[in-house]
PDB file of N, CA and C in Angstrom:
ATOM      1  N   UNK A   1      72.378 112.925 134.939  1.00  0.00           N
ATOM      2  CA  UNK A   1      71.869 113.770 133.564  1.00  0.00           C
ATOM      3  C   UNK A   1      70.527 114.674 134.079  1.00  0.00           C
ATOM      4  N   UNK A   2      70.292 116.333 134.196  1.00  0.00           N
ATOM      5  CA  UNK A   2      69.347 115.885 134.322  1.00  0.00           C
ATOM      6  C   UNK A   2      68.374 116.537 132.616  1.00  0.00           C
ATOM      7  N   UNK A   3      67.024 116.818 133.305  1.00  0.00           N
ATOM      8  CA  UNK A   3      65.852 116.650 131.870  1.00  0.00           C
ATOM      9  C   UNK A   3      66.219 117.761 131.064  1.00  0.00           C
ATOM     10  N   UNK A   4      66.673 119.039 131.986  1.00  0.00           N
ATOM     11  CA  UNK A   4      67.374 120.582 130.980  1.00  0.00           C
ATOM     12  C   UNK A   4      68.170 119.843 130.566  1.00  0.00           C
ATOM     13  N   UNK A   5      69.486 118.883 130.293  1.00  0.00           N
ATOM     14  CA  UNK A   5      70.398 119.140 129.947  1.00  0.00           C
ATOM     15  C   UNK A   5      70.380 118.209 128.941  1.00  0.00           C
ATOM     16  N   UNK A   6      69.325 117.454 128.531  1.00  0.00           N
ATOM     17  CA  UNK A   6      68.431 116.831 127.525  1.00  0.00           C
ATOM     18  C   UNK A   6      67.961 117.348 126.308  1.00  0.00           C
ATOM     19  N   UNK A   7      67.846 118.146 126.761  1.00  0.00           N
ATOM     20  CA  UNK A   7      66.520 118.670 126.149  1.00  0.00           C
ATOM     21  C   UNK A   7      67.359 120.095 125.041  1.00  0.00           C
ATOM     22  N   UNK A   8      68.537 120.478 126.395  1.00  0.00           N
ATOM     23  CA  UNK A   8      70.244 121.202 125.680  1.00  0.00           C
ATOM     24  C   UNK A   8      70.115 120.234 123.847  1.00  0.00           C
ATOM     25  N   UNK A   9      70.939 119.343 124.573  1.00  0.00           N
ATOM     26  CA  UNK A   9      71.389 118.418 123.446  1.00  0.00           C
ATOM     27  C   UNK A   9      70.650 117.799 122.041  1.00  0.00           C
ATOM     28  N   UNK A  10      69.803 117.947 122.617  1.00  0.00           N
ATOM     29  CA  UNK A  10      68.640 117.340 121.629  1.00  0.00           C
ATOM     30  C   UNK A  10      68.477 118.159 120.282  1.00  0.00           C
ATOM     31  N   UNK A  11      68.339 119.723 121.157  1.00  0.00           N
ATOM     32  CA  UNK A  11      68.292 121.434 120.749  1.00  0.00           C
ATOM     33  C   UNK A  11      69.543 121.625 119.793  1.00  0.00           C
ATOM     34  N   UNK A  12      70.169 120.922 119.996  1.00  0.00           N
ATOM     35  CA  UNK A  12      72.095 121.830 119.447  1.00  0.00           C
ATOM     36  C   UNK A  12      72.159 120.259 118.450  1.00  0.00           C
ATOM     37  N   UNK A  13      71.683 119.275 118.600  1.00  0.00           N
ATOM     38  CA  UNK A  13      71.531 118.349 117.827  1.00  0.00           C
ATOM     39  C   UNK A  13      70.915 118.441 116.123  1.00  0.00           C
ATOM     40  N   UNK A  14      69.479 119.298 116.058  1.00  0.00           N
ATOM     41  CA  UNK A  14      68.679 119.652 115.221  1.00  0.00           C
ATOM     42  C   UNK A  14      69.318 120.861 114.951  1.00  0.00           C
ATOM     43  N   UNK A  15      69.621 121.464 115.632  1.00  0.00           N
ATOM     44  CA  UNK A  15      70.581 123.184 115.189  1.00  0.00           C
ATOM     45  C   UNK A  15      71.375 122.741 114.099  1.00  0.00           C
ATOM     46  N   UNK A  16      72.408 121.682 114.811  1.00  0.00           N
ATOM     47  CA  UNK A  16      73.227 121.592 113.494  1.00  0.00           C
ATOM     48  C   UNK A  16      73.063 120.956 112.133  1.00  0.00           C
ATOM     49  N   UNK A  17      71.493 119.667 112.998  1.00  0.00           N
ATOM     50  CA  UNK A  17      71.834 118.726 111.341  1.00  0.00           C
ATOM     51  C   UNK A  17      70.884 120.000 110.188  1.00  0.00           C
ATOM     52  N   UNK A  18      70.300 121.191 110.932  1.00  0.00           N
ATOM     53  CA  UNK A  18      69.226 121.842 109.812  1.00  0.00           C
ATOM     54  C   UNK A  18      70.502 122.762 108.874  1.00  0.00           C
ATOM     55  N   UNK A  19      71.326 123.175 110.138  1.00  0.00           N
ATOM     56  CA  UNK A  19      72.537 124.282 109.187  1.00  0.00           C
ATOM     57  C   UNK A  19      73.340 122.984 108.183  1.00  0.00           C
ATOM     58  N   UNK A  20      73.548 121.830 108.974  1.00  0.00           N
ATOM     59  CA  UNK A  20      74.259 120.608 107.960  1.00  0.00           C
ATOM     60  C   UNK A  20      74.212 120.891 106.643  1.00  0.00           C
ATOM     61  N   UNK A  21      72.919 120.889 106.151  1.00  0.00           N
ATOM     62  CA  UNK A  21      71.733 120.478 105.231  1.00  0.00           C
ATOM     63  C   UNK A  21      71.769 122.000 104.342  1.00  0.00           C
ATOM     64  N   UNK A  22      71.871 122.356 105.084  1.00  0.00           N
ATOM     65  CA  UNK A  22      71.687 123.846 104.341  1.00  0.00           C
ATOM     66  C   UNK A  22      73.085 124.617 103.914  1.00  0.00           C
ATOM     67  N   UNK A  23      74.104 123.826 104.381  1.00  0.00           N
ATOM     68  CA  UNK A  23      75.367 124.045 104.101  1.00  0.00           C
ATOM     69  C   UNK A  23      75.838 123.606 102.549  1.00  0.00           C
ATOM     70  N   UNK A  24      75.455 122.395 103.273  1.00  0.00           N
ATOM     71  CA  UNK A  24      75.872 121.354 101.834  1.00  0.00           C
ATOM     72  C   UNK A  24      75.283 121.460 100.246  1.00  0.00           C
ATOM     73  N   UNK A  25      73.382 122.398 100.645  1.00  0.00           N
ATOM     74  CA  UNK A  25      73.214 122.698  99.116  1.00  0.00           C
ATOM     75  C   UNK A  25      74.496 124.261  98.465  1.00  0.00           C
ATOM     76  N   UNK A  26      74.985 124.436  99.273  1.00  0.00           N
ATOM     77  CA  UNK A  26      75.976 125.817  98.873  1.00  0.00           C
ATOM     78  C   UNK A  26      77.068 125.053  98.289  1.00  0.00           C
ATOM     79  N   UNK A  27      78.100 123.799  99.100  1.00  0.00           N
ATOM     80  CA  UNK A  27      79.256 123.217  99.110  1.00  0.00           C
ATOM     81  C   UNK A  27      78.800 122.087  97.346  1.00  0.00           C
ATOM     82  N   UNK A  28      78.150 120.969  97.814  1.00  0.00           N
ATOM     83  CA  UNK A  28      78.644 120.636  96.710  1.00  0.00           C
ATOM     84  C   UNK A  28      77.163 120.532  95.935  1.00  0.00           C
ATOM     85  N   UNK A  29      77.614 120.010  94.723  1.00  0.00           N
ATOM     86  CA  UNK A  29      77.299 120.674  93.037  1.00  0.00           C
ATOM     87  C   UNK A  29      75.398 119.861  92.708  1.00  0.00           C
ATOM     88  N   UNK A  30      75.268 120.655  92.293  1.00  0.00           N
ATOM     89  CA  UNK A  30      73.600 119.694  92.051  1.00  0.00           C
ATOM     90  C   UNK A  30      73.486 118.843  91.568  1.00  0.00           C
ATOM     91  N   UNK A  31      72.808 118.727  90.999  1.00  0.00           N
ATOM     92  CA  UNK A  31      72.038 117.018  90.032  1.00  0.00           C
ATOM     93  C   UNK A  31      72.708 117.978  88.511  1.00  0.00           C
ATOM     94  N   UNK A  32      71.864 118.328  88.443  1.00  0.00           N
ATOM     95  CA  UNK A  32      72.546 119.134  86.980  1.00  0.00           C
ATOM     96  C   UNK A  32      73.539 119.549  86.957  1.00  0.00           C
ATOM     97  N   UNK A  33      74.375 119.791  87.732  1.00  0.00           N
ATOM     98  CA  UNK A  33      75.845 120.221  87.447  1.00  0.00           C
ATOM     99  C   UNK A  33      76.765 119.201  87.117  1.00  0.00           C
ATOM    100  N   UNK A  34      75.815 118.053  87.478  1.00  0.00           N
ATOM    101  CA  UNK A  34      76.608 116.670  87.694  1.00  0.00           C
ATOM    102  C   UNK A  34      77.197 115.761  86.116  1.00  0.00           C
ATOM    103  N   UNK A  35      76.377 116.943  85.740  1.00  0.00           N
ATOM    104  CA  UNK A  35      76.260 115.923  83.803  1.00  0.00           C
ATOM    105  C   UNK A  35      77.277 115.959  83.184  1.00  0.00           C
ATOM    106  N   UNK A  36      77.973 115.067  82.924  1.00  0.00           N
ATOM    107  CA  UNK A  36      79.377 115.040  81.604  1.00  0.00           C
ATOM    108  C   UNK A  36      79.107 114.160  80.630  1.00  0.00           C
ATOM    109  N   UNK A  37      79.824 114.987  79.946  1.00  0.00           N
ATOM    110  CA  UNK A  37      80.200 114.168  78.226  1.00  0.00           C
ATOM    111  C   UNK A  37      81.375 113.150  78.667  1.00  0.00           C
ATOM    112  N   UNK A  38      80.777 111.509  78.106  1.00  0.00           N
ATOM    113  CA  UNK A  38      81.806 111.423  77.544  1.00  0.00           C
ATOM    114  C   UNK A  38      82.182 110.151  76.525  1.00  0.00           C
ATOM    115  N   UNK A  39      83.127 109.881  75.984  1.00  0.00           N
ATOM    116  CA  UNK A  39      82.949 108.948  74.875  1.00  0.00           C
ATOM    117  C   UNK A  39      83.385 107.763  74.931  1.00  0.00           C
ATOM    118  N   UNK A  40      82.356 107.360  73.668  1.00  0.00           N
ATOM    119  CA  UNK A  40      81.792 105.815  73.497  1.00  0.00           C
ATOM    120  C   UNK A  40      83.447 105.212  72.905  1.00  0.00           C
ATOM    121  N   UNK A  41      83.565 103.971  73.240  1.00  0.00           N
ATOM    122  CA  UNK A  41      84.588 103.374  72.699  1.00  0.00           C
ATOM    123  C   UNK A  41      84.188 102.079  71.896  1.00  0.00           C
ATOM    124  N   UNK A  42      84.436 102.454  70.751  1.00  0.00           N
ATOM    125  CA  UNK A  42      83.257 100.955  68.876  1.00  0.00           C
ATOM    126  C   UNK A  42      83.929  99.383  70.206  1.00  0.00           C
ATOM    127  N   UNK A  43      83.248  98.537  68.972  1.00  0.00           N
ATOM    128  CA  UNK A  43      83.555  97.372  69.706  1.00  0.00           C
ATOM    129  C   UNK A  43      84.840  96.766  69.370  1.00  0.00           C
ATOM    130  N   UNK A  44      85.380  95.361  69.692  1.00  0.00           N
ATOM    131  CA  UNK A  44      86.791  95.026  69.756  1.00  0.00           C
ATOM    132  C   UNK A  44      86.838  93.889  68.658  1.00  0.00           C
ATOM    133  N   UNK A  45      87.883  94.326  67.576  1.00  0.00           N
ATOM    134  CA  UNK A  45      86.951  93.514  66.539  1.00  0.00           C
ATOM    135  C   UNK A  45      88.437  92.808  66.387  1.00  0.00           C
ATOM    136  N   UNK A  46      88.379  91.118  65.889  1.00  0.00           N
ATOM    137  CA  UNK A  46      89.118  90.542  65.352  1.00  0.00           C
ATOM    138  C   UNK A  46      90.778  91.182  64.843  1.00  0.00           C
ATOM    139  N   UNK A  47      90.610  91.986  63.637  1.00  0.00           N
ATOM    140  CA  UNK A  47      91.572  92.666  62.583  1.00  0.00           C
ATOM    141  C   UNK A  47      92.455  92.701  63.839  1.00  0.00           C
ATOM    142  N   UNK A  48      93.144  92.711  63.141  1.00  0.00           N
ATOM    143  CA  UNK A  48      94.443  93.297  63.060  1.00  0.00           C
ATOM    144  C   UNK A  48      95.537  94.267  61.377  1.00  0.00           C
ATOM    145  N   UNK A  49      95.635  94.912  61.905  1.00  0.00           N
ATOM    146  CA  UNK A  49      96.602  96.225  60.611  1.00  0.00           C
ATOM    147  C   UNK A  49      98.282  95.775  61.633  1.00  0.00           C
ATOM    148  N   UNK A  50      98.150  94.968  60.654  1.00  0.00           N
ATOM    149  CA  UNK A  50      99.717  95.153  60.585  1.00  0.00           C
ATOM    150  C   UNK A  50     100.932  96.745  61.299  1.00  0.00           C
ATOM    151  N   UNK A  51     102.268  96.783  61.718  1.00  0.00           N
ATOM    152  CA  UNK A  51     101.857  97.725  61.919  1.00  0.00           C
ATOM    153  C   UNK A  51     103.382  98.594  61.413  1.00  0.00           C
ATOM    154  N   UNK A  52     104.194  99.540  61.486  1.00  0.00           N
ATOM    155  CA  UNK A  52     104.662 100.688  59.914  1.00  0.00           C
ATOM    156  C   UNK A  52     106.004  99.030  60.236  1.00  0.00           C
ATOM    157  N   UNK A  53     106.506  99.033  58.980  1.00  0.00           N
ATOM    158  CA  UNK A  53     107.611  98.294  58.507  1.00  0.00           C
ATOM    159  C   UNK A  53     109.104  99.154  58.934  1.00  0.00           C
ATOM    160  N   UNK A  54     108.229 100.629  59.188  1.00  0.00           N
ATOM    161  CA  UNK A  54     110.326 101.339  60.180  1.00  0.00           C
ATOM    162  C   UNK A  54     110.166 101.123  61.521  1.00  0.00           C
ATOM    163  N   UNK A  55     108.841 100.337  62.321  1.00  0.00           N
ATOM    164  CA  UNK A  55     108.791 100.383  63.315  1.00  0.00           C
ATOM    165  C   UNK A  55     109.565  98.702  63.953  1.00  0.00           C
ATOM    166  N   UNK A  56     108.923  98.387  63.040  1.00  0.00           N
ATOM    167  CA  UNK A  56     108.589  96.336  63.304  1.00  0.00           C
ATOM    168  C   UNK A  56     109.355  95.928  62.618  1.00  0.00           C
ATOM    169  N   UNK A  57     110.116  95.732  62.385  1.00  0.00           N
ATOM    170  CA  UNK A  57     111.164  94.757  60.423  1.00  0.00           C
ATOM    171  C   UNK A  57     112.134  94.098  61.620  1.00  0.00           C
ATOM    172  N   UNK A  58     111.671  92.511  60.393  1.00  0.00           N
ATOM    173  CA  UNK A  58     112.256  91.345  60.735  1.00  0.00           C
ATOM    174  C   UNK A  58     113.918  91.263  61.261  1.00  0.00           C
ATOM    175  N   UNK A  59     114.354  92.440  61.185  1.00  0.00           N
ATOM    176  CA  UNK A  59     116.005  92.437  61.206  1.00  0.00           C
ATOM    177  C   UNK A  59     116.475  92.583  62.889  1.00  0.00           C
ATOM    178  N   UNK A  60     115.551  93.142  63.405  1.00  0.00           N
ATOM    179  CA  UNK A  60     115.316  93.823  64.284  1.00  0.00           C
ATOM    180  C   UNK A  60     116.208  92.708  65.415  1.00  0.00           C
ATOM    181  N   UNK A  61     116.280  93.391  66.824  1.00  0.00           N
ATOM    182  CA  UNK A  61     116.789  91.980  67.793  1.00  0.00           C
ATOM    183  C   UNK A  61     115.594  91.852  68.576  1.00  0.00           C
ATOM    184  N   UNK A  62     115.344  90.411  69.591  1.00  0.00           N
ATOM    185  CA  UNK A  62     114.137  89.959  69.805  1.00  0.00           C
ATOM    186  C   UNK A  62     114.317  90.130  71.699  1.00  0.00           C
ATOM    187  N   UNK A  63     114.117  90.154  72.283  1.00  0.00           N
ATOM    188  CA  UNK A  63     114.323  90.992  72.759  1.00  0.00           C
ATOM    189  C   UNK A  63     114.070  89.612  74.230  1.00  0.00           C
ATOM    190  N   UNK A  64     113.066  88.670  73.436  1.00  0.00           N
ATOM    191  CA  UNK A  64     112.229  86.811  74.485  1.00  0.00           C
ATOM    192  C   UNK A  64     113.354  86.454  74.707  1.00  0.00           C
ATOM    193  N   UNK A  65     114.705  86.274  73.600  1.00  0.00           N
ATOM    194  CA  UNK A  65     115.846  85.631  73.269  1.00  0.00           C
ATOM    195  C   UNK A  65     116.904  84.938  74.386  1.00  0.00           C
ATOM    196  N   UNK A  66     116.869  84.112  74.387  1.00  0.00           N
ATOM    197  CA  UNK A  66     117.989  83.656  75.882  1.00  0.00           C
ATOM    198  C   UNK A  66     119.040  84.337  75.415  1.00  0.00           C
ATOM    199  N   UNK A  67     119.930  85.034  75.792  1.00  0.00           N
ATOM    200  CA  UNK A  67     121.614  85.178  75.842  1.00  0.00           C
ATOM    201  C   UNK A  67     121.906  84.673  77.143  1.00  0.00           C
ATOM    202  N   UNK A  68     123.506  83.388  76.367  1.00  0.00           N
ATOM    203  CA  UNK A  68     123.940  83.763  77.027  1.00  0.00           C
ATOM    204  C   UNK A  68     125.578  83.607  77.224  1.00  0.00           C
ATOM    205  N   UNK A  69     126.022  84.432  78.401  1.00  0.00           N
ATOM    206  CA  UNK A  69     126.935  84.570  78.304  1.00  0.00           C
ATOM    207  C   UNK A  69     128.612  84.422  78.258  1.00  0.00           C
ATOM    208  N   UNK A  70     128.269  83.330  78.881  1.00  0.00           N
ATOM    209  CA  UNK A  70     129.414  82.221  79.904  1.00  0.00           C
ATOM    210  C   UNK A  70     129.168  81.113  79.339  1.00  0.00           C
ATOM    211  N   UNK A  71     130.340  80.177  78.705  1.00  0.00           N
ATOM    212  CA  UNK A  71     129.546  79.107  79.297  1.00  0.00           C
ATOM    213  C   UNK A  71     130.541  78.321  79.942  1.00  0.00           C
ATOM    214  N   UNK A  72     131.109  79.601  81.309  1.00  0.00           N
ATOM    215  CA  UNK A  72     131.955  78.853  82.080  1.00  0.00           C
ATOM    216  C   UNK A  72     131.420  77.157  83.273  1.00  0.00           C
ATOM    217  N   UNK A  73     132.184  76.717  83.614  1.00  0.00           N
ATOM    218  CA  UNK A  73     131.539  75.954  84.235  1.00  0.00           C
ATOM    219  C   UNK A  73     132.268  76.259  85.549  1.00  0.00           C
ATOM    220  N   UNK A  74     132.421  77.486  85.888  1.00  0.00           N
ATOM    221  CA  UNK A  74     133.440  77.605  87.125  1.00  0.00           C
ATOM    222  C   UNK A  74     132.751  77.316  88.376  1.00  0.00           C
ATOM    223  N   UNK A  75     133.070  76.930  89.492  1.00  0.00           N
ATOM    224  CA  UNK A  75     132.865  76.096  90.150  1.00  0.00           C
ATOM    225  C   UNK A  75     132.697  77.391  91.806  1.00  0.00           C
ATOM    226  N   UNK A  76     134.169  78.401  91.712  1.00  0.00           N
ATOM    227  CA  UNK A  76     135.184  79.138  92.994  1.00  0.00           C
ATOM    228  C   UNK A  76     134.787  80.777  91.352  1.00  0.00           C
ATOM    229  N   UNK A  77     134.052  81.115  91.623  1.00  0.00           N
ATOM    230  CA  UNK A  77     133.616  82.512  90.819  1.00  0.00           C
ATOM    231  C   UNK A  77     134.210  83.216  90.804  1.00  0.00           C
ATOM    232  N   UNK A  78     134.867  83.477  92.209  1.00  0.00           N
ATOM    233  CA  UNK A  78     135.321  84.424  92.846  1.00  0.00           C
ATOM    234  C   UNK A  78     136.818  84.285  93.529  1.00  0.00           C
ATOM    235  N   UNK A  79     137.393  83.415  93.047  1.00  0.00           N
ATOM    236  CA  UNK A  79     139.309  82.919  93.138  1.00  0.00           C
ATOM    237  C   UNK A  79     139.269  82.297  93.732  1.00  0.00           C
ATOM    238  N   UNK A  80     137.963  81.432  94.952  1.00  0.00           N
ATOM    239  CA  UNK A  80     138.397  80.712  96.055  1.00  0.00           C
ATOM    240  C   UNK A  80     138.931  79.871  95.702  1.00  0.00           C
ATOM    241  N   UNK A  81     139.964  79.130  96.997  1.00  0.00           N
ATOM    242  CA  UNK A  81     140.096  77.716  96.581  1.00  0.00           C
ATOM    243  C   UNK A  81     140.090  76.799  97.525  1.00  0.00           C
ATOM    244  N   UNK A  82     139.478  75.867  96.920  1.00  0.00           N
ATOM    245  CA  UNK A  82     139.498  74.561  98.268  1.00  0.00           C
ATOM    246  C   UNK A  82     140.547  73.993  98.601  1.00  0.00           C
ATOM    247  N   UNK A  83     141.811  75.133  98.547  1.00  0.00           N
ATOM    248  CA  UNK A  83     143.244  73.719  99.109  1.00  0.00           C
ATOM    249  C   UNK A  83     143.158  73.567 100.527  1.00  0.00           C
TER     250      UNK A  83
END
């Protein structure tokens, strides 16, 4: 490469850097526009209120209970025999 090529490359790099910095000022939000309000959450306590009896009652089904469908000890479930 010649000395002239390095000068052209340097000029293109500097020009593109200046253009990109100026363009980013219009594209991206300014720091004043980046402020946003958030909701603060209160402290977690150990107190728990009981839920409504309409939804949670003593007569409801327990999904954690083990359900046995059949106590059959069939060793050949598909009807094949070992004759």
